[in-house]
């Protein structure tokens, strides 16, 4: 991860100041998540247009709200107690170029 990405997420300095108190600072960066609004406005048209968008994603599908919820659940539990200052992409391996 580039330092500028951490700065944009607001994690570069804040996580170092609050971590000694047992507080972790993380965030997630969702990709294209198949919500009702996205399906109606951002990706209008047919099922084919949604498949075309999914072709840019390594997992070959759009994300779901449940995909995001799983990461949030992880961050909210003790399983992530040694994770801080992270920006976690939830994008299925979206190809950027």
C-alpha atoms as a PDB file:
ATOM      1  CA  UNK A   1       0.000   0.000   0.000  1.00  0.00           C
ATOM      2  CA  UNK A   2       1.294   3.408  -0.897  1.00  0.00           C
ATOM      3  CA  UNK A   3       1.667   5.921   1.959  1.00  0.00           C
ATOM      4  CA  UNK A   4      -0.662   8.339   0.203  1.00  0.00           C
ATOM      5  CA  UNK A   5      -3.491   5.786   0.423  1.00  0.00           C
ATOM      6  CA  UNK A   6      -3.060   5.561   4.181  1.00  0.00           C
ATOM      7  CA  UNK A   7      -3.089   9.364   4.400  1.00  0.00           C
ATOM      8  CA  UNK A   8      -6.314   9.582   2.433  1.00  0.00           C
ATOM      9  CA  UNK A   9      -7.898   7.059   4.772  1.00  0.00           C
ATOM     10  CA  UNK A  10      -6.811   9.183   7.741  1.00  0.00           C
ATOM     11  CA  UNK A  11      -4.766   6.376   9.254  1.00  0.00           C
ATOM     12  CA  UNK A  12      -1.189   7.554   8.882  1.00  0.00           C
ATOM     13  CA  UNK A  13      -0.836   9.381  12.190  1.00  0.00           C
ATOM     14  CA  UNK A  14      -4.011   8.681  14.113  1.00  0.00           C
ATOM     15  CA  UNK A  15      -3.451   4.943  14.491  1.00  0.00           C
ATOM     16  CA  UNK A  16      -0.024   5.507  16.056  1.00  0.00           C
ATOM     17  CA  UNK A  17      -1.447   7.909  18.645  1.00  0.00           C
ATOM     18  CA  UNK A  18      -4.350   5.742  19.771  1.00  0.00           C
ATOM     19  CA  UNK A  19      -2.828   2.248  19.465  1.00  0.00           C
ATOM     20  CA  UNK A  20      -1.030   2.388  22.854  1.00  0.00           C
ATOM     21  CA  UNK A  21      -4.502   2.557  24.418  1.00  0.00           C
ATOM     22  CA  UNK A  22      -5.608  -0.694  22.756  1.00  0.00           C
ATOM     23  CA  UNK A  23      -7.600   1.101  20.071  1.00  0.00           C
ATOM     24  CA  UNK A  24      -7.160   0.008  16.483  1.00  0.00           C
ATOM     25  CA  UNK A  25      -7.943   2.159  13.451  1.00  0.00           C
ATOM     26  CA  UNK A  26      -8.785   0.408  10.207  1.00  0.00           C
ATOM     27  CA  UNK A  27     -11.086   0.923   7.282  1.00  0.00           C
ATOM     28  CA  UNK A  28     -12.390  -0.999   4.335  1.00  0.00           C
ATOM     29  CA  UNK A  29     -12.561   0.079   0.711  1.00  0.00           C
ATOM     30  CA  UNK A  30     -15.467  -1.576  -1.091  1.00  0.00           C
ATOM     31  CA  UNK A  31     -15.391  -2.122  -4.827  1.00  0.00           C
ATOM     32  CA  UNK A  32     -18.556  -2.549  -6.864  1.00  0.00           C
ATOM     33  CA  UNK A  33     -21.126  -3.920  -4.427  1.00  0.00           C
ATOM     34  CA  UNK A  34     -24.391  -5.227  -5.874  1.00  0.00           C
ATOM     35  CA  UNK A  35     -26.920  -3.146  -3.981  1.00  0.00           C
ATOM     36  CA  UNK A  36     -30.322  -2.221  -5.333  1.00  0.00           C
ATOM     37  CA  UNK A  37     -29.247   1.322  -6.086  1.00  0.00           C
ATOM     38  CA  UNK A  38     -26.067   0.248  -7.896  1.00  0.00           C
ATOM     39  CA  UNK A  39     -27.995  -2.262  -9.988  1.00  0.00           C
ATOM     40  CA  UNK A  40     -30.569   0.399 -10.971  1.00  0.00           C
ATOM     41  CA  UNK A  41     -28.441   3.491 -11.512  1.00  0.00           C
ATOM     42  CA  UNK A  42     -24.749   2.756 -11.942  1.00  0.00           C
ATOM     43  CA  UNK A  43     -25.078  -0.457 -13.916  1.00  0.00           C
ATOM     44  CA  UNK A  44     -28.341   0.007 -15.786  1.00  0.00           C
ATOM     45  CA  UNK A  45     -29.563  -2.269 -18.525  1.00  0.00           C
ATOM     46  CA  UNK A  46     -29.442  -5.954 -18.907  1.00  0.00           C
ATOM     47  CA  UNK A  47     -27.901  -8.814 -17.033  1.00  0.00           C
ATOM     48  CA  UNK A  48     -25.204  -8.780 -19.730  1.00  0.00           C
ATOM     49  CA  UNK A  49     -23.964  -5.341 -18.650  1.00  0.00           C
ATOM     50  CA  UNK A  50     -23.529  -6.679 -15.113  1.00  0.00           C
ATOM     51  CA  UNK A  51     -21.594  -9.661 -16.471  1.00  0.00           C
ATOM     52  CA  UNK A  52     -19.366  -7.295 -18.455  1.00  0.00           C
ATOM     53  CA  UNK A  53     -18.560  -5.370 -15.262  1.00  0.00           C
ATOM     54  CA  UNK A  54     -17.842  -8.637 -13.444  1.00  0.00           C
ATOM     55  CA  UNK A  55     -15.281  -9.539 -16.115  1.00  0.00           C
ATOM     56  CA  UNK A  56     -13.011  -6.832 -14.643  1.00  0.00           C
ATOM     57  CA  UNK A  57     -13.045  -8.599 -11.272  1.00  0.00           C
ATOM     58  CA  UNK A  58     -10.762 -11.565 -10.590  1.00  0.00           C
ATOM     59  CA  UNK A  59     -13.556 -13.466  -8.799  1.00  0.00           C
ATOM     60  CA  UNK A  60     -15.868 -12.804 -11.790  1.00  0.00           C
ATOM     61  CA  UNK A  61     -18.766 -11.492  -9.721  1.00  0.00           C
ATOM     62  CA  UNK A  62     -19.911  -8.272  -8.117  1.00  0.00           C
ATOM     63  CA  UNK A  63     -19.539  -7.972  -4.371  1.00  0.00           C
ATOM     64  CA  UNK A  64     -22.434  -8.326  -1.978  1.00  0.00           C
ATOM     65  CA  UNK A  65     -23.371  -6.500   1.182  1.00  0.00           C
ATOM     66  CA  UNK A  66     -22.579  -9.741   3.001  1.00  0.00           C
ATOM     67  CA  UNK A  67     -19.011  -9.637   1.630  1.00  0.00           C
ATOM     68  CA  UNK A  68     -18.554  -6.236   3.281  1.00  0.00           C
ATOM     69  CA  UNK A  69     -20.271  -7.365   6.472  1.00  0.00           C
ATOM     70  CA  UNK A  70     -17.813 -10.251   6.875  1.00  0.00           C
ATOM     71  CA  UNK A  71     -14.849  -7.867   6.863  1.00  0.00           C
ATOM     72  CA  UNK A  72     -16.577  -5.474   9.270  1.00  0.00           C
ATOM     73  CA  UNK A  73     -17.377  -8.410  11.550  1.00  0.00           C
ATOM     74  CA  UNK A  74     -13.707  -9.461  11.483  1.00  0.00           C
ATOM     75  CA  UNK A  75     -12.587  -5.922  12.353  1.00  0.00           C
ATOM     76  CA  UNK A  76     -15.120  -5.716  15.191  1.00  0.00           C
ATOM     77  CA  UNK A  77     -13.921  -8.908  16.897  1.00  0.00           C
ATOM     78  CA  UNK A  78     -10.813  -9.928  18.802  1.00  0.00           C
ATOM     79  CA  UNK A  79      -9.643 -11.795  15.690  1.00  0.00           C
ATOM     80  CA  UNK A  80      -8.303  -8.464  14.423  1.00  0.00           C
ATOM     81  CA  UNK A  81      -6.764  -7.212  17.657  1.00  0.00           C
ATOM     82  CA  UNK A  82      -3.294  -7.005  16.072  1.00  0.00           C
ATOM     83  CA  UNK A  83      -4.499  -5.294  12.894  1.00  0.00           C
ATOM     84  CA  UNK A  84      -4.230  -1.510  12.835  1.00  0.00           C
ATOM     85  CA  UNK A  85      -3.637   1.139  10.208  1.00  0.00           C
ATOM     86  CA  UNK A  86      -4.996  -1.095   7.463  1.00  0.00           C
ATOM     87  CA  UNK A  87      -7.115  -0.234   4.467  1.00  0.00           C
ATOM     88  CA  UNK A  88      -8.751  -3.503   3.441  1.00  0.00           C
ATOM     89  CA  UNK A  89     -10.031  -3.664  -0.140  1.00  0.00           C
ATOM     90  CA  UNK A  90     -13.272  -5.586  -0.629  1.00  0.00           C
ATOM     91  CA  UNK A  91     -13.244  -5.648  -4.400  1.00  0.00           C
ATOM     92  CA  UNK A  92     -12.845  -9.267  -5.431  1.00  0.00           C
ATOM     93  CA  UNK A  93      -9.517  -8.470  -7.075  1.00  0.00           C
ATOM     94  CA  UNK A  94     -10.796  -5.664  -9.288  1.00  0.00           C
ATOM     95  CA  UNK A  95      -8.429  -5.064 -12.183  1.00  0.00           C
ATOM     96  CA  UNK A  96      -7.245  -1.479 -12.169  1.00  0.00           C
ATOM     97  CA  UNK A  97      -5.469  -0.094 -15.127  1.00  0.00           C
END
